[in-house]
Amino acid sequence: MPVQKSSLTSVLNNLERKGLMRRTRRGDDRRMLHLFLTPHGRGLKAQLLPIGAAINQRALLGVDPHDAALAASLLEKLTANLENK
């Protein structure tokens, strides 16, 4: 999921504040961070994945699988074009 750098910091701060992830420095480069889910964050996987699957299933009701794959491919290409200024 593309996220602007300016909003990523606040997203990470919120996840860390809620105890869902932690950050550690990577080597000597203070700009480089490793991000890790906490046990609490990993524990939400079983709860959240079915919700995402249900949303996807609802969105694709009545859509031919070939059309869905074509739409996904097109959106990926459009996103890549916008990211490669």
PDB file of N, CA and C in Angstrom:
ATOM      1  N   MET A   1       0.855  -1.164   0.000  1.00  0.00           N
ATOM      2  CA  MET A   1       0.000   0.000   0.000  1.00  0.00           C
ATOM      3  C   MET A   1       0.905   1.232   0.000  1.00  0.00           C
ATOM      4  N   PRO A   2       0.858   2.007  -1.054  1.00  0.00           N
ATOM      5  CA  PRO A   2       1.690   3.209  -1.076  1.00  0.00           C
ATOM      6  C   PRO A   2       1.235   4.215  -0.019  1.00  0.00           C
ATOM      7  N   VAL A   3       2.199   4.708   0.740  1.00  0.00           N
ATOM      8  CA  VAL A   3       1.924   5.702   1.778  1.00  0.00           C
ATOM      9  C   VAL A   3       2.941   6.821   1.619  1.00  0.00           C
ATOM     10  N   GLN A   4       2.478   8.047   1.671  1.00  0.00           N
ATOM     11  CA  GLN A   4       3.378   9.194   1.594  1.00  0.00           C
ATOM     12  C   GLN A   4       4.294   9.206   2.812  1.00  0.00           C
ATOM     13  N   LYS A   5       5.554   9.585   2.603  1.00  0.00           N
ATOM     14  CA  LYS A   5       6.511   9.619   3.704  1.00  0.00           C
ATOM     15  C   LYS A   5       6.020  10.499   4.848  1.00  0.00           C
ATOM     16  N   SER A   6       5.370  11.591   4.512  1.00  0.00           N
ATOM     17  CA  SER A   6       4.923  12.518   5.555  1.00  0.00           C
ATOM     18  C   SER A   6       3.867  11.894   6.458  1.00  0.00           C
ATOM     19  N   SER A   7       3.034  11.008   5.935  1.00  0.00           N
ATOM     20  CA  SER A   7       2.005  10.392   6.767  1.00  0.00           C
ATOM     21  C   SER A   7       2.478   9.075   7.380  1.00  0.00           C
ATOM     22  N   LEU A   8       3.545   8.494   6.846  1.00  0.00           N
ATOM     23  CA  LEU A   8       4.034   7.223   7.362  1.00  0.00           C
ATOM     24  C   LEU A   8       4.503   7.349   8.807  1.00  0.00           C
ATOM     25  N   THR A   9       5.165   8.434   9.140  1.00  0.00           N
ATOM     26  CA  THR A   9       5.664   8.613  10.504  1.00  0.00           C
ATOM     27  C   THR A   9       4.525   8.588  11.504  1.00  0.00           C
ATOM     28  N   SER A  10       3.433   9.273  11.224  1.00  0.00           N
ATOM     29  CA  SER A  10       2.316   9.281  12.174  1.00  0.00           C
ATOM     30  C   SER A  10       1.648   7.910  12.249  1.00  0.00           C
ATOM     31  N   VAL A  11       1.586   7.192  11.128  1.00  0.00           N
ATOM     32  CA  VAL A  11       1.019   5.833  11.149  1.00  0.00           C
ATOM     33  C   VAL A  11       1.874   4.934  12.034  1.00  0.00           C
ATOM     34  N   LEU A  12       3.204   4.993  11.848  1.00  0.00           N
ATOM     35  CA  LEU A  12       4.101   4.167  12.661  1.00  0.00           C
ATOM     36  C   LEU A  12       4.054   4.565  14.131  1.00  0.00           C
ATOM     37  N   ASN A  13       3.985   5.850  14.400  1.00  0.00           N
ATOM     38  CA  ASN A  13       3.873   6.305  15.793  1.00  0.00           C
ATOM     39  C   ASN A  13       2.627   5.736  16.454  1.00  0.00           C
ATOM     40  N   ASN A  14       1.508   5.762  15.737  1.00  0.00           N
ATOM     41  CA  ASN A  14       0.257   5.238  16.288  1.00  0.00           C
ATOM     42  C   ASN A  14       0.332   3.735  16.524  1.00  0.00           C
ATOM     43  N   LEU A  15       0.912   3.000  15.568  1.00  0.00           N
ATOM     44  CA  LEU A  15       1.040   1.549  15.740  1.00  0.00           C
ATOM     45  C   LEU A  15       1.931   1.220  16.931  1.00  0.00           C
ATOM     46  N   GLU A  16       3.009   1.986  17.080  1.00  0.00           N
ATOM     47  CA  GLU A  16       3.921   1.750  18.198  1.00  0.00           C
ATOM     48  C   GLU A  16       3.258   2.120  19.526  1.00  0.00           C
ATOM     49  N   ARG A  17       2.548   3.228  19.551  1.00  0.00           N
ATOM     50  CA  ARG A  17       1.860   3.677  20.769  1.00  0.00           C
ATOM     51  C   ARG A  17       0.824   2.644  21.221  1.00  0.00           C
ATOM     52  N   LYS A  18       0.180   1.980  20.264  1.00  0.00           N
ATOM     53  CA  LYS A  18      -0.837   0.974  20.579  1.00  0.00           C
ATOM     54  C   LYS A  18      -0.230  -0.387  20.896  1.00  0.00           C
ATOM     55  N   GLY A  19       1.102  -0.483  20.823  1.00  0.00           N
ATOM     56  CA  GLY A  19       1.768  -1.734  21.150  1.00  0.00           C
ATOM     57  C   GLY A  19       1.686  -2.786  20.065  1.00  0.00           C
ATOM     58  N   LEU A  20       1.449  -2.356  18.821  1.00  0.00           N
ATOM     59  CA  LEU A  20       1.308  -3.306  17.719  1.00  0.00           C
ATOM     60  C   LEU A  20       2.618  -3.564  16.983  1.00  0.00           C
ATOM     61  N   MET A  21       3.564  -2.635  17.088  1.00  0.00           N
ATOM     62  CA  MET A  21       4.863  -2.808  16.444  1.00  0.00           C
ATOM     63  C   MET A  21       5.927  -2.074  17.241  1.00  0.00           C
ATOM     64  N   ARG A  22       7.183  -2.425  16.909  1.00  0.00           N
ATOM     65  CA  ARG A  22       8.309  -1.714  17.531  1.00  0.00           C
ATOM     66  C   ARG A  22       9.345  -1.434  16.455  1.00  0.00           C
ATOM     67  N   ARG A  23      10.147  -0.411  16.703  1.00  0.00           N
ATOM     68  CA  ARG A  23      11.203  -0.006  15.772  1.00  0.00           C
ATOM     69  C   ARG A  23      12.550  -0.186  16.446  1.00  0.00           C
ATOM     70  N   THR A  24      13.526  -0.629  15.668  1.00  0.00           N
ATOM     71  CA  THR A  24      14.901  -0.677  16.161  1.00  0.00           C
ATOM     72  C   THR A  24      15.797  -0.067  15.098  1.00  0.00           C
ATOM     73  N   ARG A  25      16.879   0.552  15.548  1.00  0.00           N
ATOM     74  CA  ARG A  25      17.841   1.169  14.628  1.00  0.00           C
ATOM     75  C   ARG A  25      18.610   0.091  13.895  1.00  0.00           C
ATOM     76  N   ARG A  26      18.997   0.406  12.680  1.00  0.00           N
ATOM     77  CA  ARG A  26      19.743  -0.539  11.866  1.00  0.00           C
ATOM     78  C   ARG A  26      21.178  -0.052  11.698  1.00  0.00           C
ATOM     79  N   GLY A  27      22.085  -0.686  12.405  1.00  0.00           N
ATOM     80  CA  GLY A  27      23.500  -0.364  12.265  1.00  0.00           C
ATOM     81  C   GLY A  27      23.826   1.075  12.635  1.00  0.00           C
ATOM     82  N   ASP A  28      24.781   1.640  11.916  1.00  0.00           N
ATOM     83  CA  ASP A  28      25.252   2.995  12.198  1.00  0.00           C
ATOM     84  C   ASP A  28      24.403   4.079  11.542  1.00  0.00           C
ATOM     85  N   ASP A  29      23.592   3.706  10.571  1.00  0.00           N
ATOM     86  CA  ASP A  29      22.767   4.675   9.849  1.00  0.00           C
ATOM     87  C   ASP A  29      21.499   4.939  10.654  1.00  0.00           C
ATOM     88  N   ARG A  30      21.424   6.099  11.281  1.00  0.00           N
ATOM     89  CA  ARG A  30      20.284   6.425  12.153  1.00  0.00           C
ATOM     90  C   ARG A  30      18.982   6.545  11.383  1.00  0.00           C
ATOM     91  N   ARG A  31      19.067   6.686  10.053  1.00  0.00           N
ATOM     92  CA  ARG A  31      17.846   6.807   9.257  1.00  0.00           C
ATOM     93  C   ARG A  31      17.188   5.455   8.999  1.00  0.00           C
ATOM     94  N   MET A  32      17.956   4.393   9.083  1.00  0.00           N
ATOM     95  CA  MET A  32      17.456   3.052   8.769  1.00  0.00           C
ATOM     96  C   MET A  32      16.845   2.410  10.009  1.00  0.00           C
ATOM     97  N   LEU A  33      15.636   1.919   9.863  1.00  0.00           N
ATOM     98  CA  LEU A  33      14.924   1.271  10.955  1.00  0.00           C
ATOM     99  C   LEU A  33      14.445  -0.106  10.536  1.00  0.00           C
ATOM    100  N   HIS A  34      14.395  -1.015  11.498  1.00  0.00           N
ATOM    101  CA  HIS A  34      13.724  -2.291  11.309  1.00  0.00           C
ATOM    102  C   HIS A  34      12.393  -2.187  12.029  1.00  0.00           C
ATOM    103  N   LEU A  35      11.349  -2.634  11.393  1.00  0.00           N
ATOM    104  CA  LEU A  35      10.015  -2.609  11.989  1.00  0.00           C
ATOM    105  C   LEU A  35       9.593  -4.040  12.274  1.00  0.00           C
ATOM    106  N   PHE A  36       9.094  -4.279  13.473  1.00  0.00           N
ATOM    107  CA  PHE A  36       8.672  -5.606  13.882  1.00  0.00           C
ATOM    108  C   PHE A  36       7.287  -5.539  14.509  1.00  0.00           C
ATOM    109  N   LEU A  37       6.435  -6.487  14.155  1.00  0.00           N
ATOM    110  CA  LEU A  37       5.170  -6.616  14.855  1.00  0.00           C
ATOM    111  C   LEU A  37       5.437  -7.182  16.235  1.00  0.00           C
ATOM    112  N   THR A  38       4.719  -6.691  17.217  1.00  0.00           N
ATOM    113  CA  THR A  38       4.800  -7.249  18.564  1.00  0.00           C
ATOM    114  C   THR A  38       3.930  -8.505  18.611  1.00  0.00           C
ATOM    115  N   PRO A  39       4.041  -9.293  19.657  1.00  0.00           N
ATOM    116  CA  PRO A  39       3.127 -10.441  19.786  1.00  0.00           C
ATOM    117  C   PRO A  39       1.658 -10.002  19.712  1.00  0.00           C
ATOM    118  N   HIS A  40       1.347  -8.849  20.311  1.00  0.00           N
ATOM    119  CA  HIS A  40      -0.030  -8.333  20.243  1.00  0.00           C
ATOM    120  C   HIS A  40      -0.421  -8.013  18.800  1.00  0.00           C
ATOM    121  N   GLY A  41       0.481  -7.398  18.051  1.00  0.00           N
ATOM    122  CA  GLY A  41       0.224  -7.086  16.642  1.00  0.00           C
ATOM    123  C   GLY A  41       0.029  -8.342  15.810  1.00  0.00           C
ATOM    124  N   ARG A  42       0.891  -9.336  16.025  1.00  0.00           N
ATOM    125  CA  ARG A  42       0.756 -10.607  15.299  1.00  0.00           C
ATOM    126  C   ARG A  42      -0.529 -11.313  15.686  1.00  0.00           C
ATOM    127  N   GLY A  43      -0.945 -11.141  16.925  1.00  0.00           N
ATOM    128  CA  GLY A  43      -2.158 -11.796  17.395  1.00  0.00           C
ATOM    129  C   GLY A  43      -3.423 -11.305  16.708  1.00  0.00           C
ATOM    130  N   LEU A  44      -3.374 -10.127  16.121  1.00  0.00           N
ATOM    131  CA  LEU A  44      -4.552  -9.589  15.433  1.00  0.00           C
ATOM    132  C   LEU A  44      -4.757 -10.196  14.047  1.00  0.00           C
ATOM    133  N   LYS A  45      -3.736 -10.895  13.541  1.00  0.00           N
ATOM    134  CA  LYS A  45      -3.805 -11.464  12.192  1.00  0.00           C
ATOM    135  C   LYS A  45      -5.039 -12.356  12.018  1.00  0.00           C
ATOM    136  N   ALA A  46      -5.259 -13.268  12.944  1.00  0.00           N
ATOM    137  CA  ALA A  46      -6.386 -14.195  12.833  1.00  0.00           C
ATOM    138  C   ALA A  46      -7.730 -13.463  12.855  1.00  0.00           C
ATOM    139  N   GLN A  47      -7.774 -12.337  13.525  1.00  0.00           N
ATOM    140  CA  GLN A  47      -9.009 -11.558  13.618  1.00  0.00           C
ATOM    141  C   GLN A  47      -9.221 -10.692  12.375  1.00  0.00           C
ATOM    142  N   LEU A  48      -8.141 -10.110  11.831  1.00  0.00           N
ATOM    143  CA  LEU A  48      -8.270  -9.133  10.748  1.00  0.00           C
ATOM    144  C   LEU A  48      -8.311  -9.744   9.353  1.00  0.00           C
ATOM    145  N   LEU A  49      -7.597 -10.847   9.125  1.00  0.00           N
ATOM    146  CA  LEU A  49      -7.581 -11.435   7.780  1.00  0.00           C
ATOM    147  C   LEU A  49      -8.976 -11.848   7.289  1.00  0.00           C
ATOM    148  N   PRO A  50      -9.810 -12.477   8.123  1.00  0.00           N
ATOM    149  CA  PRO A  50     -11.154 -12.802   7.652  1.00  0.00           C
ATOM    150  C   PRO A  50     -11.995 -11.565   7.306  1.00  0.00           C
ATOM    151  N   ILE A  51     -11.778 -10.471   8.010  1.00  0.00           N
ATOM    152  CA  ILE A  51     -12.509  -9.233   7.705  1.00  0.00           C
ATOM    153  C   ILE A  51     -12.102  -8.727   6.323  1.00  0.00           C
ATOM    154  N   GLY A  52     -10.786  -8.705   6.047  1.00  0.00           N
ATOM    155  CA  GLY A  52     -10.305  -8.286   4.732  1.00  0.00           C
ATOM    156  C   GLY A  52     -10.814  -9.194   3.634  1.00  0.00           C
ATOM    157  N   ALA A  53     -10.821 -10.501   3.879  1.00  0.00           N
ATOM    158  CA  ALA A  53     -11.310 -11.457   2.886  1.00  0.00           C
ATOM    159  C   ALA A  53     -12.796 -11.239   2.603  1.00  0.00           C
ATOM    160  N   ALA A  54     -13.571 -10.960   3.637  1.00  0.00           N
ATOM    161  CA  ALA A  54     -15.010 -10.719   3.459  1.00  0.00           C
ATOM    162  C   ALA A  54     -15.261  -9.446   2.658  1.00  0.00           C
ATOM    163  N   ILE A  55     -14.463  -8.416   2.900  1.00  0.00           N
ATOM    164  CA  ILE A  55     -14.606  -7.172   2.138  1.00  0.00           C
ATOM    165  C   ILE A  55     -14.271  -7.419   0.673  1.00  0.00           C
ATOM    166  N   ASN A  56     -13.185  -8.138   0.413  1.00  0.00           N
ATOM    167  CA  ASN A  56     -12.816  -8.452  -0.972  1.00  0.00           C
ATOM    168  C   ASN A  56     -13.901  -9.270  -1.661  1.00  0.00           C
ATOM    169  N   GLN A  57     -14.434 -10.251  -0.949  1.00  0.00           N
ATOM    170  CA  GLN A  57     -15.479 -11.100  -1.513  1.00  0.00           C
ATOM    171  C   GLN A  57     -16.721 -10.270  -1.867  1.00  0.00           C
ATOM    172  N   ARG A  58     -17.107  -9.371  -0.990  1.00  0.00           N
ATOM    173  CA  ARG A  58     -18.266  -8.508  -1.245  1.00  0.00           C
ATOM    174  C   ARG A  58     -18.016  -7.596  -2.445  1.00  0.00           C
ATOM    175  N   ALA A  59     -16.814  -7.033  -2.519  1.00  0.00           N
ATOM    176  CA  ALA A  59     -16.482  -6.133  -3.623  1.00  0.00           C
ATOM    177  C   ALA A  59     -16.513  -6.849  -4.965  1.00  0.00           C
ATOM    178  N   LEU A  60     -16.211  -8.128  -4.976  1.00  0.00           N
ATOM    179  CA  LEU A  60     -16.114  -8.874  -6.229  1.00  0.00           C
ATOM    180  C   LEU A  60     -17.384  -9.644  -6.589  1.00  0.00           C
ATOM    181  N   LEU A  61     -18.458  -9.435  -5.827  1.00  0.00           N
ATOM    182  CA  LEU A  61     -19.726 -10.106  -6.148  1.00  0.00           C
ATOM    183  C   LEU A  61     -20.152  -9.777  -7.578  1.00  0.00           C
ATOM    184  N   GLY A  62     -20.424 -10.795  -8.359  1.00  0.00           N
ATOM    185  CA  GLY A  62     -20.898 -10.596  -9.720  1.00  0.00           C
ATOM    186  C   GLY A  62     -19.823 -10.181 -10.708  1.00  0.00           C
ATOM    187  N   VAL A  63     -18.574 -10.137 -10.287  1.00  0.00           N
ATOM    188  CA  VAL A  63     -17.485  -9.747 -11.183  1.00  0.00           C
ATOM    189  C   VAL A  63     -16.796 -11.016 -11.680  1.00  0.00           C
ATOM    190  N   ASP A  64     -16.670 -11.119 -12.989  1.00  0.00           N
ATOM    191  CA  ASP A  64     -15.982 -12.260 -13.591  1.00  0.00           C
ATOM    192  C   ASP A  64     -14.529 -12.276 -13.094  1.00  0.00           C
ATOM    193  N   PRO A  65     -14.018 -13.444 -12.684  1.00  0.00           N
ATOM    194  CA  PRO A  65     -12.637 -13.518 -12.185  1.00  0.00           C
ATOM    195  C   PRO A  65     -11.606 -12.968 -13.178  1.00  0.00           C
ATOM    196  N   HIS A  66     -11.827 -13.174 -14.468  1.00  0.00           N
ATOM    197  CA  HIS A  66     -10.910 -12.636 -15.481  1.00  0.00           C
ATOM    198  C   HIS A  66     -10.925 -11.106 -15.440  1.00  0.00           C
ATOM    199  N   ASP A  67     -12.112 -10.517 -15.331  1.00  0.00           N
ATOM    200  CA  ASP A  67     -12.229  -9.054 -15.260  1.00  0.00           C
ATOM    201  C   ASP A  67     -11.572  -8.512 -13.994  1.00  0.00           C
ATOM    202  N   ALA A  68     -11.731  -9.233 -12.880  1.00  0.00           N
ATOM    203  CA  ALA A  68     -11.118  -8.803 -11.623  1.00  0.00           C
ATOM    204  C   ALA A  68      -9.591  -8.819 -11.742  1.00  0.00           C
ATOM    205  N   ALA A  69      -9.050  -9.863 -12.360  1.00  0.00           N
ATOM    206  CA  ALA A  69      -7.598  -9.951 -12.540  1.00  0.00           C
ATOM    207  C   ALA A  69      -7.096  -8.852 -13.466  1.00  0.00           C
ATOM    208  N   LEU A  70      -7.845  -8.567 -14.514  1.00  0.00           N
ATOM    209  CA  LEU A  70      -7.474  -7.502 -15.448  1.00  0.00           C
ATOM    210  C   LEU A  70      -7.494  -6.141 -14.747  1.00  0.00           C
ATOM    211  N   ALA A  71      -8.514  -5.892 -13.950  1.00  0.00           N
ATOM    212  CA  ALA A  71      -8.605  -4.624 -13.221  1.00  0.00           C
ATOM    213  C   ALA A  71      -7.445  -4.477 -12.237  1.00  0.00           C
ATOM    214  N   ALA A  72      -7.109  -5.543 -11.521  1.00  0.00           N
ATOM    215  CA  ALA A  72      -6.001  -5.493 -10.563  1.00  0.00           C
ATOM    216  C   ALA A  72      -4.688  -5.199 -11.288  1.00  0.00           C
ATOM    217  N   SER A  73      -4.485  -5.843 -12.419  1.00  0.00           N
ATOM    218  CA  SER A  73      -3.263  -5.627 -13.199  1.00  0.00           C
ATOM    219  C   SER A  73      -3.177  -4.188 -13.686  1.00  0.00           C
ATOM    220  N   LEU A  74      -4.292  -3.660 -14.176  1.00  0.00           N
ATOM    221  CA  LEU A  74      -4.316  -2.287 -14.663  1.00  0.00           C
ATOM    222  C   LEU A  74      -4.036  -1.297 -13.537  1.00  0.00           C
ATOM    223  N   LEU A  75      -4.641  -1.510 -12.379  1.00  0.00           N
ATOM    224  CA  LEU A  75      -4.406  -0.610 -11.247  1.00  0.00           C
ATOM    225  C   LEU A  75      -2.949  -0.651 -10.795  1.00  0.00           C
ATOM    226  N   GLU A  76      -2.333  -1.827 -10.816  1.00  0.00           N
ATOM    227  CA  GLU A  76      -0.912  -1.928 -10.459  1.00  0.00           C
ATOM    228  C   GLU A  76      -0.055  -1.127 -11.432  1.00  0.00           C
ATOM    229  N   LYS A  77      -0.372  -1.203 -12.717  1.00  0.00           N
ATOM    230  CA  LYS A  77       0.401  -0.461 -13.727  1.00  0.00           C
ATOM    231  C   LYS A  77       0.202   1.045 -13.572  1.00  0.00           C
ATOM    232  N   LEU A  78      -1.027   1.474 -13.312  1.00  0.00           N
ATOM    233  CA  LEU A  78      -1.294   2.896 -13.114  1.00  0.00           C
ATOM    234  C   LEU A  78      -0.545   3.423 -11.896  1.00  0.00           C
ATOM    235  N   THR A  79      -0.569   2.650 -10.815  1.00  0.00           N
ATOM    236  CA  THR A  79       0.139   3.045  -9.599  1.00  0.00           C
ATOM    237  C   THR A  79       1.638   3.140  -9.864  1.00  0.00           C
ATOM    238  N   ALA A  80       2.187   2.150 -10.565  1.00  0.00           N
ATOM    239  CA  ALA A  80       3.621   2.166 -10.883  1.00  0.00           C
ATOM    240  C   ALA A  80       3.971   3.388 -11.729  1.00  0.00           C
ATOM    241  N   ASN A  81       3.114   3.746 -12.682  1.00  0.00           N
ATOM    242  CA  ASN A  81       3.363   4.925 -13.507  1.00  0.00           C
ATOM    243  C   ASN A  81       3.413   6.204 -12.662  1.00  0.00           C
ATOM    244  N   LEU A  82       2.510   6.286 -11.688  1.00  0.00           N
ATOM    245  CA  LEU A  82       2.473   7.490 -10.842  1.00  0.00           C
ATOM    246  C   LEU A  82       3.643   7.532  -9.872  1.00  0.00           C
ATOM    247  N   GLU A  83       4.135   6.380  -9.450  1.00  0.00           N
ATOM    248  CA  GLU A  83       5.266   6.350  -8.527  1.00  0.00           C
ATOM    249  C   GLU A  83       6.580   6.628  -9.237  1.00  0.00           C
ATOM    250  N   ASN A  84       6.669   6.324 -10.517  1.00  0.00           N
ATOM    251  CA  ASN A  84       7.884   6.527 -11.296  1.00  0.00           C
ATOM    252  C   ASN A  84       7.835   7.858 -12.019  1.00  0.00           C
ATOM    253  N   LYS A  85       7.742   8.915 -11.271  1.00  0.00           N
ATOM    254  CA  LYS A  85       7.573  10.275 -11.786  1.00  0.00           C
ATOM    255  C   LYS A  85       8.467  10.499 -12.919  1.00  0.00           C
TER     256      LYS A  85
END
